[in-house]
Amino acid sequence: MPPLLQVKNLSVATKNRLILQDLSLEIEEGETWGLVGSSGAGKSMLARSMAGLLPRGISVKNGHIFYRGTDWLKMKESDRRRIRGRGIGFLVQNTASGLDPVYTVEQQMVETLLANDCADSKEGAIDISADWLGKVGFNRVQRILSSYPHSLSGGMAQRVYLAIVFMLKPKLVIADEFSTGLDSTSEKEMLGLLFQVAKGSSLLMITHNILLLEGLTEKLAVMNGGVIVEAGPTERILENPLHGYSQALLQAGDPCGSIGARGLSTSESFCGCVFSKRCAHSQENCASQLPEVREVDGRKVRCHRY
């Protein structure tokens, strides 16, 4: 049986700049993955590629994305649209952008359920909506159903959006920095809720904070400069990171500091490892040649040391 989602040798670019290069990743049914890297690493662009939601002016130059063995990039947009929702759900960072300000929560949830053939009637859709609002922690469900998004707090809007995505029972959910902006207590609560309702779905959790993933995901991919530099079991990478960038993320704790990914200008290329100038283990060929993917200690790593 093919993986639920398979990214194979994917490269994404604008007219003048390569954004992602030669990325490969496989997500099986029911697996939980973490995708980590600082701002500019290419995490969100990879997520948008997976969901078929690349911004205008950015396109796939090489490679394939397979959903259950079918080439996602060769599908008609109408076919991809049918898969989104029940096949691939997308949790955005800015929850407010995912809710329509002119419709009540009930209207949006009911319309979503009926459009995706997840309810037989409006009454049935209302019941499903109410049930899912309860699952994400609301007590006064009817009040939330009749509310407009602008009357909800940020945390409440996130819960509503969480319910909307998961009530369709998607096979894969991509959560792009979903908990960003919350205080540490609220963030832990929201992540706990996310993994609670995600049972039965595969999950790709995108974050800039590698320490958040401990004990949450089964597998982890580390990105820097548009390249996956290390991927494998989360616990193994956290205990013994092989790539210099993975090591730096763990040592820093917060990757938003001096080791953050540096965006490439139009005159630069992916001729070598983007982290080579800051890596303690840098070799002569690191800056001039992108390492091949190697199988080391049960994971995949791009580094000339292996």
Foldseek 3Di string as FASTA:
>chain_A
DAAQKWWAQWWKAAPQGTQAGGAIDGHHFQAEEEEAAFPSLCVVVVVCVQLVNHDPRMDIDDTFMDGVRHTPVPDDVVVSVLCEQQAEDEADQQLVVVFDQVDALLVVQLVLCVVNVNADDSVRSSVLLLVLLVLLPDDPSVVRRRDGPVVDDRLSSLSSSLSSRCSSVYQEYEHANNLPPDPPVSSVVVLVSNLVSCGRHYYYYYDHFLVVCVPPGQKYFYTARNYGFKIFGSVVCLVPNDDQLSVVNNVVRGNHPDQHHDHDDSVDDPQAASCQVVGPPHDPCRVGHWADWDCDPGMTGTDPVD
